[in-house]
N, C-alpha and C. Protein backbone atom coordinates (compact mmCIF):
# COMPACT_ATOMS: atom_id res chain seq x y z
N UNK A 1 0.83 -1.21 -0.03
CA UNK A 1 -0.03 0.01 -0.01
C UNK A 1 0.91 1.22 -0.01
N UNK A 2 0.50 2.23 -0.68
CA UNK A 2 1.29 3.44 -0.76
C UNK A 2 0.99 4.37 0.40
N UNK A 3 -0.13 4.16 1.08
CA UNK A 3 -0.40 5.03 2.27
C UNK A 3 -1.28 6.25 1.98
N UNK A 4 -1.69 6.35 0.67
CA UNK A 4 -2.54 7.47 0.40
C UNK A 4 -3.92 7.29 0.93
N UNK A 5 -4.63 8.41 1.11
CA UNK A 5 -5.99 8.29 1.60
C UNK A 5 -6.89 7.35 0.71
N UNK A 6 -6.73 7.46 -0.60
CA UNK A 6 -7.49 6.60 -1.46
C UNK A 6 -7.17 5.15 -1.20
N UNK A 7 -5.85 4.76 -1.13
CA UNK A 7 -5.50 3.44 -0.87
C UNK A 7 -6.08 2.93 0.49
N UNK A 8 -5.94 3.78 1.54
CA UNK A 8 -6.43 3.42 2.82
C UNK A 8 -7.92 3.14 2.73
N UNK A 9 -8.73 4.01 2.08
CA UNK A 9 -10.11 3.88 2.00
C UNK A 9 -10.48 2.57 1.22
N UNK A 10 -9.70 2.28 0.17
CA UNK A 10 -9.96 1.04 -0.53
C UNK A 10 -9.57 -0.16 0.30
N UNK A 11 -8.56 -0.08 1.02
CA UNK A 11 -8.04 -1.21 1.82
C UNK A 11 -9.20 -1.58 2.82
N UNK A 12 -9.83 -0.56 3.45
CA UNK A 12 -10.87 -0.80 4.36
C UNK A 12 -12.05 -1.39 3.77
N UNK A 13 -12.21 -1.27 2.41
CA UNK A 13 -13.38 -1.75 1.80
C UNK A 13 -13.19 -3.08 0.97
N UNK A 14 -12.05 -3.70 1.15
CA UNK A 14 -11.78 -5.02 0.54
C UNK A 14 -12.32 -6.05 1.47
N UNK A 15 -13.06 -7.04 0.90
CA UNK A 15 -13.64 -8.06 1.66
C UNK A 15 -13.78 -9.29 0.78
N UNK A 16 -14.01 -10.46 1.42
CA UNK A 16 -14.27 -11.71 0.75
C UNK A 16 -15.58 -11.61 0.09
N UNK A 17 -15.73 -11.97 -1.16
CA UNK A 17 -17.01 -11.93 -1.87
C UNK A 17 -17.89 -13.07 -1.39
N UNK A 18 -19.20 -12.79 -1.45
CA UNK A 18 -20.20 -13.81 -1.18
C UNK A 18 -21.09 -13.97 -2.37
N UNK A 19 -22.01 -14.87 -2.36
CA UNK A 19 -22.81 -15.12 -3.53
C UNK A 19 -23.67 -13.90 -4.05
N UNK A 20 -23.88 -13.04 -3.13
CA UNK A 20 -24.66 -11.78 -3.49
C UNK A 20 -23.79 -10.87 -4.39
N UNK A 21 -22.43 -11.17 -4.50
CA UNK A 21 -21.56 -10.36 -5.32
C UNK A 21 -21.37 -10.93 -6.69
N UNK A 22 -21.87 -12.13 -6.95
CA UNK A 22 -21.61 -12.73 -8.30
C UNK A 22 -22.01 -11.86 -9.40
N UNK A 23 -23.23 -11.33 -9.39
CA UNK A 23 -23.75 -10.45 -10.48
C UNK A 23 -22.85 -9.19 -10.62
N UNK A 24 -22.39 -8.63 -9.47
CA UNK A 24 -21.48 -7.48 -9.56
C UNK A 24 -20.13 -7.78 -10.18
N UNK A 25 -19.57 -8.93 -9.85
CA UNK A 25 -18.27 -9.39 -10.40
C UNK A 25 -18.47 -9.60 -11.88
N UNK A 26 -19.50 -10.27 -12.26
CA UNK A 26 -19.76 -10.47 -13.74
C UNK A 26 -19.95 -9.14 -14.44
N UNK A 27 -20.66 -8.16 -13.81
CA UNK A 27 -20.80 -6.87 -14.42
C UNK A 27 -19.45 -6.18 -14.61
N UNK A 28 -18.56 -6.31 -13.62
CA UNK A 28 -17.25 -5.74 -13.84
C UNK A 28 -16.53 -6.36 -15.01
N UNK A 29 -16.63 -7.70 -15.06
CA UNK A 29 -16.00 -8.45 -16.20
C UNK A 29 -16.67 -8.03 -17.53
N UNK A 30 -17.99 -7.90 -17.54
CA UNK A 30 -18.68 -7.40 -18.76
C UNK A 30 -18.18 -6.12 -19.24
N UNK A 31 -18.07 -5.16 -18.24
CA UNK A 31 -17.66 -3.79 -18.62
C UNK A 31 -16.23 -3.85 -19.11
N UNK A 32 -15.43 -4.73 -18.57
CA UNK A 32 -13.98 -4.86 -19.04
C UNK A 32 -13.97 -5.35 -20.46
N UNK A 33 -14.84 -6.34 -20.79
CA UNK A 33 -14.87 -6.93 -22.11
C UNK A 33 -15.29 -5.75 -23.14
N UNK A 34 -16.31 -4.96 -22.72
CA UNK A 34 -16.72 -3.83 -23.62
C UNK A 34 -15.56 -2.91 -23.87
N UNK A 35 -14.92 -2.52 -22.71
CA UNK A 35 -13.83 -1.51 -22.85
C UNK A 35 -12.70 -2.09 -23.65
N UNK A 36 -12.36 -3.36 -23.41
CA UNK A 36 -11.24 -3.96 -24.22
C UNK A 36 -11.56 -3.95 -25.73
N UNK A 37 -12.77 -4.27 -26.07
CA UNK A 37 -13.22 -4.29 -27.45
C UNK A 37 -13.16 -2.86 -28.04
N UNK A 38 -13.60 -1.93 -27.34
CA UNK A 38 -13.59 -0.50 -27.74
C UNK A 38 -12.11 -0.04 -27.93
N UNK A 39 -11.18 -0.66 -27.31
CA UNK A 39 -9.77 -0.24 -27.36
C UNK A 39 -8.85 -1.23 -28.08
N UNK A 40 -9.50 -2.00 -28.96
CA UNK A 40 -8.74 -2.85 -29.90
C UNK A 40 -8.09 -4.02 -29.25
N UNK A 41 -8.55 -4.49 -28.12
CA UNK A 41 -8.00 -5.64 -27.40
C UNK A 41 -8.94 -6.74 -27.25
N UNK A 42 -9.77 -6.94 -28.25
CA UNK A 42 -10.81 -8.01 -28.23
C UNK A 42 -10.17 -9.39 -27.98
N UNK A 43 -8.96 -9.58 -28.42
CA UNK A 43 -8.30 -10.88 -28.31
C UNK A 43 -8.06 -11.28 -26.85
N UNK A 44 -8.05 -10.35 -25.93
CA UNK A 44 -7.87 -10.71 -24.51
C UNK A 44 -8.93 -11.54 -23.97
N UNK A 45 -10.17 -11.13 -24.00
CA UNK A 45 -11.29 -11.88 -23.41
C UNK A 45 -12.44 -12.02 -24.41
N UNK A 46 -12.26 -11.80 -25.66
CA UNK A 46 -13.31 -11.96 -26.67
C UNK A 46 -14.24 -10.83 -26.62
N UNK A 47 -15.40 -10.91 -27.33
CA UNK A 47 -16.38 -9.85 -27.40
C UNK A 47 -17.69 -10.21 -26.69
N UNK A 48 -17.85 -11.49 -26.33
CA UNK A 48 -19.06 -11.89 -25.61
C UNK A 48 -18.95 -11.60 -24.20
N UNK A 49 -19.95 -10.88 -23.58
CA UNK A 49 -19.88 -10.63 -22.17
C UNK A 49 -19.80 -11.95 -21.34
N UNK A 50 -19.09 -11.89 -20.25
CA UNK A 50 -18.97 -12.98 -19.36
C UNK A 50 -20.33 -13.48 -18.90
N UNK A 51 -21.20 -12.58 -18.62
CA UNK A 51 -22.51 -12.99 -18.10
C UNK A 51 -23.40 -13.75 -19.14
N UNK A 52 -22.97 -13.70 -20.39
CA UNK A 52 -23.66 -14.38 -21.47
C UNK A 52 -23.04 -15.76 -21.80
N UNK A 53 -21.92 -16.08 -21.08
CA UNK A 53 -21.20 -17.35 -21.30
C UNK A 53 -21.47 -18.27 -20.05
N UNK A 54 -22.19 -19.32 -20.25
CA UNK A 54 -22.52 -20.20 -19.14
C UNK A 54 -21.34 -20.67 -18.35
N UNK A 55 -20.32 -21.09 -19.15
CA UNK A 55 -19.05 -21.57 -18.49
C UNK A 55 -18.37 -20.54 -17.67
N UNK A 56 -18.40 -19.30 -18.18
CA UNK A 56 -17.77 -18.20 -17.40
C UNK A 56 -18.53 -17.91 -16.14
N UNK A 57 -19.88 -17.88 -16.31
CA UNK A 57 -20.76 -17.64 -15.06
C UNK A 57 -20.48 -18.76 -14.05
N UNK A 58 -20.40 -19.99 -14.48
CA UNK A 58 -20.16 -21.13 -13.58
C UNK A 58 -18.81 -21.00 -12.90
N UNK A 59 -17.78 -20.54 -13.70
CA UNK A 59 -16.41 -20.40 -13.14
C UNK A 59 -16.41 -19.32 -12.05
N UNK A 60 -16.97 -18.20 -12.33
CA UNK A 60 -16.98 -17.07 -11.34
C UNK A 60 -17.76 -17.55 -10.12
N UNK A 61 -18.92 -18.20 -10.30
CA UNK A 61 -19.72 -18.69 -9.21
C UNK A 61 -18.85 -19.66 -8.31
N UNK A 62 -18.15 -20.54 -8.98
CA UNK A 62 -17.34 -21.51 -8.22
C UNK A 62 -16.21 -20.77 -7.46
N UNK A 63 -15.67 -19.77 -8.06
CA UNK A 63 -14.55 -19.04 -7.37
C UNK A 63 -15.13 -18.41 -6.10
N UNK A 64 -16.26 -17.74 -6.23
CA UNK A 64 -16.93 -17.07 -5.11
C UNK A 64 -17.24 -18.06 -4.00
N UNK A 65 -17.89 -19.16 -4.35
CA UNK A 65 -18.27 -20.16 -3.41
C UNK A 65 -17.11 -20.86 -2.71
N UNK A 66 -15.92 -20.87 -3.37
CA UNK A 66 -14.74 -21.47 -2.81
C UNK A 66 -14.06 -20.46 -1.89
N UNK A 67 -14.48 -19.16 -1.91
CA UNK A 67 -13.83 -18.17 -1.13
C UNK A 67 -12.58 -17.63 -1.74
N UNK A 68 -12.42 -17.75 -3.08
CA UNK A 68 -11.28 -17.31 -3.72
C UNK A 68 -11.30 -15.80 -4.10
N UNK A 69 -12.49 -15.19 -4.04
CA UNK A 69 -12.66 -13.87 -4.61
C UNK A 69 -12.70 -12.81 -3.51
N UNK A 70 -11.90 -11.75 -3.69
CA UNK A 70 -11.98 -10.54 -2.83
C UNK A 70 -12.48 -9.42 -3.75
N UNK A 71 -13.33 -8.62 -3.15
CA UNK A 71 -13.86 -7.46 -3.94
C UNK A 71 -13.49 -6.17 -3.17
N UNK A 72 -13.23 -5.16 -4.03
CA UNK A 72 -12.94 -3.82 -3.47
C UNK A 72 -14.22 -3.03 -3.81
N UNK A 73 -14.73 -2.31 -2.73
CA UNK A 73 -15.87 -1.53 -2.94
C UNK A 73 -15.84 -0.24 -2.18
N UNK A 74 -16.63 0.70 -2.63
CA UNK A 74 -16.76 2.06 -2.07
C UNK A 74 -18.23 2.46 -2.15
N UNK A 75 -18.78 2.83 -1.05
CA UNK A 75 -20.16 3.20 -1.05
C UNK A 75 -21.08 2.17 -1.66
N UNK A 76 -20.79 0.89 -1.30
CA UNK A 76 -21.59 -0.26 -1.74
C UNK A 76 -21.53 -0.48 -3.29
N UNK A 77 -20.53 0.10 -3.97
CA UNK A 77 -20.29 -0.08 -5.39
C UNK A 77 -18.95 -0.96 -5.59
N UNK A 78 -19.12 -1.99 -6.31
CA UNK A 78 -17.84 -2.81 -6.55
C UNK A 78 -16.99 -2.04 -7.51
N UNK A 79 -15.71 -1.95 -7.13
CA UNK A 79 -14.72 -1.21 -7.95
C UNK A 79 -13.78 -2.20 -8.61
N UNK A 80 -13.65 -3.43 -8.08
CA UNK A 80 -12.71 -4.43 -8.60
C UNK A 80 -12.80 -5.71 -7.88
N UNK A 81 -12.20 -6.72 -8.48
CA UNK A 81 -12.24 -8.04 -7.87
C UNK A 81 -10.96 -8.78 -8.24
N UNK A 82 -10.54 -9.65 -7.35
CA UNK A 82 -9.39 -10.54 -7.61
C UNK A 82 -9.76 -11.95 -7.13
N UNK A 83 -9.44 -12.92 -7.91
CA UNK A 83 -9.64 -14.36 -7.54
C UNK A 83 -8.23 -14.94 -7.28
N UNK A 84 -8.07 -15.50 -6.16
CA UNK A 84 -6.80 -16.14 -5.79
C UNK A 84 -6.98 -17.59 -5.41
N UNK A 85 -6.16 -18.45 -5.90
CA UNK A 85 -6.30 -19.89 -5.60
C UNK A 85 -5.28 -20.72 -6.35
N UNK A 86 -5.65 -21.95 -6.67
CA UNK A 86 -4.71 -22.74 -7.49
C UNK A 86 -4.67 -22.39 -8.92
N UNK A 87 -3.55 -22.62 -9.62
CA UNK A 87 -3.41 -22.32 -10.95
C UNK A 87 -4.40 -23.06 -11.82
N UNK A 88 -4.88 -22.42 -12.93
CA UNK A 88 -5.82 -23.15 -13.82
C UNK A 88 -5.13 -24.40 -14.45
N UNK A 89 -5.91 -25.27 -14.91
CA UNK A 89 -5.46 -26.53 -15.51
C UNK A 89 -4.47 -26.26 -16.72
N UNK A 90 -4.67 -25.22 -17.45
CA UNK A 90 -3.93 -25.03 -18.66
C UNK A 90 -2.47 -24.46 -18.32
N UNK A 91 -2.20 -24.17 -17.08
CA UNK A 91 -0.88 -23.65 -16.68
C UNK A 91 -0.02 -24.81 -16.23
N UNK A 92 1.21 -24.91 -16.72
CA UNK A 92 2.09 -25.97 -16.31
C UNK A 92 2.31 -25.93 -14.76
N UNK A 93 2.20 -27.10 -14.16
CA UNK A 93 2.29 -27.16 -12.66
C UNK A 93 3.76 -26.78 -12.19
N UNK A 94 3.83 -26.37 -10.99
CA UNK A 94 5.05 -26.02 -10.39
C UNK A 94 5.22 -26.82 -9.08
N UNK A 95 6.49 -26.99 -8.66
CA UNK A 95 6.73 -27.72 -7.41
C UNK A 95 6.93 -26.75 -6.24
N UNK A 96 6.96 -25.47 -6.51
CA UNK A 96 7.09 -24.51 -5.48
C UNK A 96 5.70 -23.99 -4.92
N UNK A 97 5.60 -23.77 -3.60
CA UNK A 97 4.38 -23.25 -3.09
C UNK A 97 4.15 -21.87 -3.67
N UNK A 98 2.83 -21.63 -3.94
CA UNK A 98 2.46 -20.33 -4.54
C UNK A 98 1.04 -20.00 -4.20
N UNK A 99 0.74 -18.76 -4.42
CA UNK A 99 -0.65 -18.26 -4.50
C UNK A 99 -0.83 -17.82 -5.96
N UNK A 100 -1.90 -18.17 -6.61
CA UNK A 100 -2.04 -17.86 -8.01
C UNK A 100 -3.15 -16.87 -8.19
N UNK A 101 -2.88 -15.79 -8.92
CA UNK A 101 -3.91 -14.78 -9.23
C UNK A 101 -4.67 -15.34 -10.47
N UNK A 102 -5.89 -15.91 -10.22
CA UNK A 102 -6.67 -16.54 -11.25
C UNK A 102 -7.29 -15.51 -12.10
N UNK A 103 -7.74 -14.41 -11.52
CA UNK A 103 -8.35 -13.35 -12.29
C UNK A 103 -8.30 -11.97 -11.56
N UNK A 104 -8.22 -10.93 -12.26
CA UNK A 104 -8.18 -9.63 -11.75
C UNK A 104 -8.92 -8.66 -12.68
N UNK A 105 -9.79 -7.88 -12.10
CA UNK A 105 -10.54 -6.92 -12.92
C UNK A 105 -10.85 -5.69 -12.07
N UNK A 106 -10.71 -4.57 -12.74
CA UNK A 106 -11.11 -3.34 -12.09
C UNK A 106 -12.13 -2.58 -12.94
N UNK A 107 -12.98 -1.82 -12.32
CA UNK A 107 -14.05 -1.13 -12.96
C UNK A 107 -13.53 0.07 -13.82
N UNK A 108 -14.39 0.55 -14.65
CA UNK A 108 -14.12 1.76 -15.42
C UNK A 108 -14.42 3.02 -14.68
N UNK A 109 -15.04 2.99 -13.59
CA UNK A 109 -15.46 4.11 -12.72
C UNK A 109 -14.16 4.83 -12.32
N UNK A 110 -14.07 6.13 -12.34
CA UNK A 110 -12.84 6.80 -11.90
C UNK A 110 -12.49 6.49 -10.48
N UNK A 111 -13.49 6.19 -9.67
CA UNK A 111 -13.15 5.78 -8.30
C UNK A 111 -12.32 4.45 -8.21
N UNK A 112 -12.36 3.74 -9.27
CA UNK A 112 -11.62 2.45 -9.33
C UNK A 112 -10.16 2.58 -9.61
N UNK A 113 -9.76 3.78 -9.95
CA UNK A 113 -8.35 4.03 -10.40
C UNK A 113 -7.43 3.50 -9.28
N UNK A 114 -6.46 2.61 -9.66
CA UNK A 114 -5.50 2.14 -8.70
C UNK A 114 -5.99 0.84 -7.96
N UNK A 115 -7.18 0.43 -8.18
CA UNK A 115 -7.70 -0.69 -7.41
C UNK A 115 -7.01 -2.01 -7.80
N UNK A 116 -6.61 -2.14 -9.06
CA UNK A 116 -5.96 -3.31 -9.51
C UNK A 116 -4.63 -3.50 -8.70
N UNK A 117 -3.82 -2.44 -8.65
CA UNK A 117 -2.61 -2.48 -7.89
C UNK A 117 -2.88 -2.80 -6.44
N UNK A 118 -3.92 -2.20 -5.86
CA UNK A 118 -4.19 -2.39 -4.50
C UNK A 118 -4.58 -3.90 -4.22
N UNK A 119 -5.34 -4.47 -5.11
CA UNK A 119 -5.77 -5.90 -4.98
C UNK A 119 -4.46 -6.77 -5.14
N UNK A 120 -3.54 -6.44 -6.05
CA UNK A 120 -2.35 -7.26 -6.17
C UNK A 120 -1.54 -7.17 -4.91
N UNK A 121 -1.43 -5.96 -4.30
CA UNK A 121 -0.71 -5.83 -3.07
C UNK A 121 -1.31 -6.74 -1.95
N UNK A 122 -2.65 -6.72 -1.93
CA UNK A 122 -3.34 -7.56 -0.97
C UNK A 122 -2.99 -9.03 -1.24
N UNK A 123 -3.01 -9.39 -2.49
CA UNK A 123 -2.58 -10.77 -2.78
C UNK A 123 -1.17 -11.14 -2.31
N UNK A 124 -0.25 -10.26 -2.39
CA UNK A 124 1.04 -10.45 -1.86
C UNK A 124 1.07 -10.61 -0.38
N UNK A 125 0.28 -9.81 0.30
CA UNK A 125 0.17 -9.89 1.86
C UNK A 125 -0.44 -11.21 2.22
N UNK A 126 -1.45 -11.63 1.49
CA UNK A 126 -2.19 -12.84 1.82
C UNK A 126 -1.22 -14.04 1.59
N UNK A 127 -0.46 -13.97 0.56
CA UNK A 127 0.50 -15.10 0.26
C UNK A 127 1.55 -15.21 1.31
N UNK A 128 2.11 -14.05 1.73
CA UNK A 128 3.12 -14.10 2.85
C UNK A 128 2.46 -14.57 4.11
N UNK A 129 1.20 -14.17 4.37
CA UNK A 129 0.54 -14.64 5.56
C UNK A 129 0.27 -16.17 5.55
N UNK A 130 0.27 -16.71 4.39
CA UNK A 130 0.14 -18.18 4.21
C UNK A 130 1.49 -18.86 4.18
N UNK A 131 2.53 -18.14 4.38
CA UNK A 131 3.89 -18.70 4.36
C UNK A 131 4.45 -18.99 2.92
N UNK A 132 3.85 -18.37 1.93
CA UNK A 132 4.15 -18.56 0.54
C UNK A 132 5.01 -17.36 0.08
N UNK A 133 6.09 -17.59 -0.68
CA UNK A 133 6.88 -16.51 -1.15
C UNK A 133 6.84 -16.23 -2.64
N UNK A 134 5.76 -16.72 -3.21
CA UNK A 134 5.63 -16.46 -4.67
C UNK A 134 4.17 -16.33 -5.08
N UNK A 135 3.92 -15.24 -5.89
CA UNK A 135 2.67 -15.03 -6.57
C UNK A 135 2.89 -15.39 -8.05
N UNK A 136 1.96 -16.08 -8.67
CA UNK A 136 2.05 -16.25 -10.13
C UNK A 136 0.71 -15.85 -10.76
N UNK A 137 0.76 -15.54 -12.03
CA UNK A 137 -0.46 -15.26 -12.75
C UNK A 137 -0.15 -15.47 -14.18
N UNK A 138 -1.24 -15.52 -14.98
CA UNK A 138 -1.04 -15.48 -16.41
C UNK A 138 -1.95 -14.46 -17.04
N UNK A 139 -1.53 -13.94 -18.12
CA UNK A 139 -2.35 -12.86 -18.81
C UNK A 139 -2.14 -13.06 -20.34
N UNK A 140 -2.96 -12.28 -21.02
CA UNK A 140 -2.94 -12.23 -22.46
C UNK A 140 -1.58 -11.63 -22.87
N UNK A 141 -0.91 -12.33 -23.78
CA UNK A 141 0.39 -11.82 -24.29
C UNK A 141 0.30 -11.00 -25.49
N UNK A 142 -0.89 -10.88 -26.03
CA UNK A 142 -1.10 -10.01 -27.23
C UNK A 142 -1.18 -8.54 -26.90
N UNK A 143 -1.77 -7.77 -27.79
CA UNK A 143 -1.91 -6.37 -27.55
C UNK A 143 -0.59 -5.66 -27.43
N UNK A 144 0.47 -6.03 -28.15
CA UNK A 144 1.76 -5.46 -28.09
C UNK A 144 2.35 -5.50 -26.73
N UNK A 145 1.86 -6.50 -25.91
CA UNK A 145 2.48 -6.66 -24.54
C UNK A 145 2.13 -5.61 -23.52
N UNK A 146 1.01 -4.91 -23.75
CA UNK A 146 0.61 -3.87 -22.74
C UNK A 146 0.27 -4.48 -21.39
N UNK A 147 -0.49 -5.54 -21.39
CA UNK A 147 -0.85 -6.14 -20.10
C UNK A 147 0.39 -6.74 -19.40
N UNK A 148 1.26 -7.32 -20.13
CA UNK A 148 2.49 -7.91 -19.56
C UNK A 148 3.28 -6.74 -18.86
N UNK A 149 3.39 -5.64 -19.61
CA UNK A 149 4.12 -4.48 -19.03
C UNK A 149 3.42 -3.99 -17.80
N UNK A 150 2.14 -3.94 -17.75
CA UNK A 150 1.40 -3.53 -16.56
C UNK A 150 1.86 -4.38 -15.34
N UNK A 151 1.79 -5.72 -15.55
CA UNK A 151 2.20 -6.55 -14.46
C UNK A 151 3.72 -6.46 -14.12
N UNK A 152 4.49 -6.15 -15.08
CA UNK A 152 5.89 -5.93 -14.79
C UNK A 152 6.02 -4.63 -13.93
N UNK A 153 5.22 -3.62 -14.18
CA UNK A 153 5.27 -2.42 -13.41
C UNK A 153 4.79 -2.63 -11.95
N UNK A 154 4.09 -3.77 -11.75
CA UNK A 154 3.67 -4.16 -10.39
C UNK A 154 4.61 -5.15 -9.71
N UNK A 155 5.71 -5.35 -10.29
CA UNK A 155 6.76 -6.20 -9.66
C UNK A 155 6.81 -7.69 -10.11
N UNK A 156 6.06 -8.00 -11.19
CA UNK A 156 6.04 -9.36 -11.70
C UNK A 156 7.07 -9.49 -12.80
N UNK A 157 7.64 -10.62 -12.97
CA UNK A 157 8.64 -10.94 -14.06
C UNK A 157 8.07 -12.07 -14.96
N UNK A 158 8.17 -11.87 -16.25
CA UNK A 158 7.73 -12.88 -17.20
C UNK A 158 8.64 -14.17 -16.94
N UNK A 159 7.98 -15.33 -16.92
CA UNK A 159 8.80 -16.54 -16.79
C UNK A 159 8.59 -17.54 -17.93
N UNK A 160 7.42 -17.52 -18.58
CA UNK A 160 7.10 -18.46 -19.66
C UNK A 160 5.94 -18.07 -20.47
N UNK A 161 6.04 -18.30 -21.77
CA UNK A 161 4.90 -18.05 -22.65
C UNK A 161 4.19 -19.38 -22.87
N UNK A 162 2.96 -19.26 -23.36
CA UNK A 162 2.20 -20.48 -23.70
C UNK A 162 1.16 -20.07 -24.70
N UNK A 163 0.57 -21.12 -25.32
CA UNK A 163 -0.52 -20.91 -26.24
C UNK A 163 -1.69 -21.85 -25.73
N UNK A 164 -2.78 -21.21 -25.43
CA UNK A 164 -3.96 -22.02 -24.99
C UNK A 164 -5.05 -21.88 -26.02
N UNK A 165 -5.13 -22.91 -26.90
CA UNK A 165 -6.11 -22.96 -27.99
C UNK A 165 -6.02 -21.67 -28.78
N UNK A 166 -4.94 -21.20 -29.21
CA UNK A 166 -4.72 -20.03 -30.02
C UNK A 166 -4.66 -18.70 -29.27
N UNK A 167 -4.77 -18.73 -27.92
CA UNK A 167 -4.73 -17.54 -27.13
C UNK A 167 -3.26 -17.40 -26.57
N UNK A 168 -2.55 -16.35 -27.01
CA UNK A 168 -1.20 -16.20 -26.58
C UNK A 168 -1.11 -15.77 -25.17
N UNK A 169 -0.51 -16.57 -24.29
CA UNK A 169 -0.41 -16.23 -22.85
C UNK A 169 0.94 -16.08 -22.36
N UNK A 170 1.05 -15.41 -21.25
CA UNK A 170 2.31 -15.13 -20.56
C UNK A 170 2.13 -15.42 -19.14
N UNK A 171 3.05 -16.29 -18.52
CA UNK A 171 3.00 -16.51 -17.11
C UNK A 171 4.05 -15.59 -16.52
N UNK A 172 3.65 -14.95 -15.44
CA UNK A 172 4.53 -14.03 -14.70
C UNK A 172 4.57 -14.43 -13.22
N UNK A 173 5.63 -14.12 -12.50
CA UNK A 173 5.69 -14.38 -11.14
C UNK A 173 6.30 -13.24 -10.36
N UNK A 174 5.95 -13.16 -9.10
CA UNK A 174 6.58 -12.17 -8.19
C UNK A 174 7.06 -12.87 -6.99
N UNK A 175 8.36 -12.70 -6.70
CA UNK A 175 8.93 -13.28 -5.45
C UNK A 175 8.60 -12.31 -4.34
N UNK A 176 8.21 -12.89 -3.20
CA UNK A 176 7.80 -12.06 -2.08
C UNK A 176 8.72 -12.21 -0.91
N UNK A 177 8.95 -11.14 -0.20
CA UNK A 177 9.73 -11.19 1.01
C UNK A 177 8.83 -11.53 2.19
N UNK A 178 9.13 -12.77 2.76
CA UNK A 178 8.32 -13.24 3.92
C UNK A 178 8.72 -12.66 5.28
N UNK A 179 9.61 -11.70 5.35
CA UNK A 179 10.05 -11.18 6.62
C UNK A 179 8.92 -10.41 7.27
């Protein structure tokens, strides 16, 4: 956390999602799909809203029910969400203990500015609290690498590329100080 008033306010409003948040998390994802398409990054998540894809709705629902999702909110408005848990099946397994960022989304609302970074910082603290010294995640490797560069700016290092059914992916990791 950077210690700014905004970060402190967001930190106080981060909580574990419950089933009443599923529609709100899907709305964040739907808004992100719309924004990505408007900005030439349709390849990241496609053009179909998450809420219109049964498999995506089931996946988000299972993450929430498993306790994997944290949501950031302000004035009862969801600003962002992060899902943390085991790596997806399409990611090569690792022998090192880790916490995996399954999904991260922030809203388009100006109040959501910086929430993605705040949620990643929370993930690091949760990992350290679990005795884990590594966060991993994967992201879309297309779009001229803009998303990869975002995660690099947050302290993640690219470790491996992959192709998942024609979707170019990048695995990144962040080593954490457990002191």
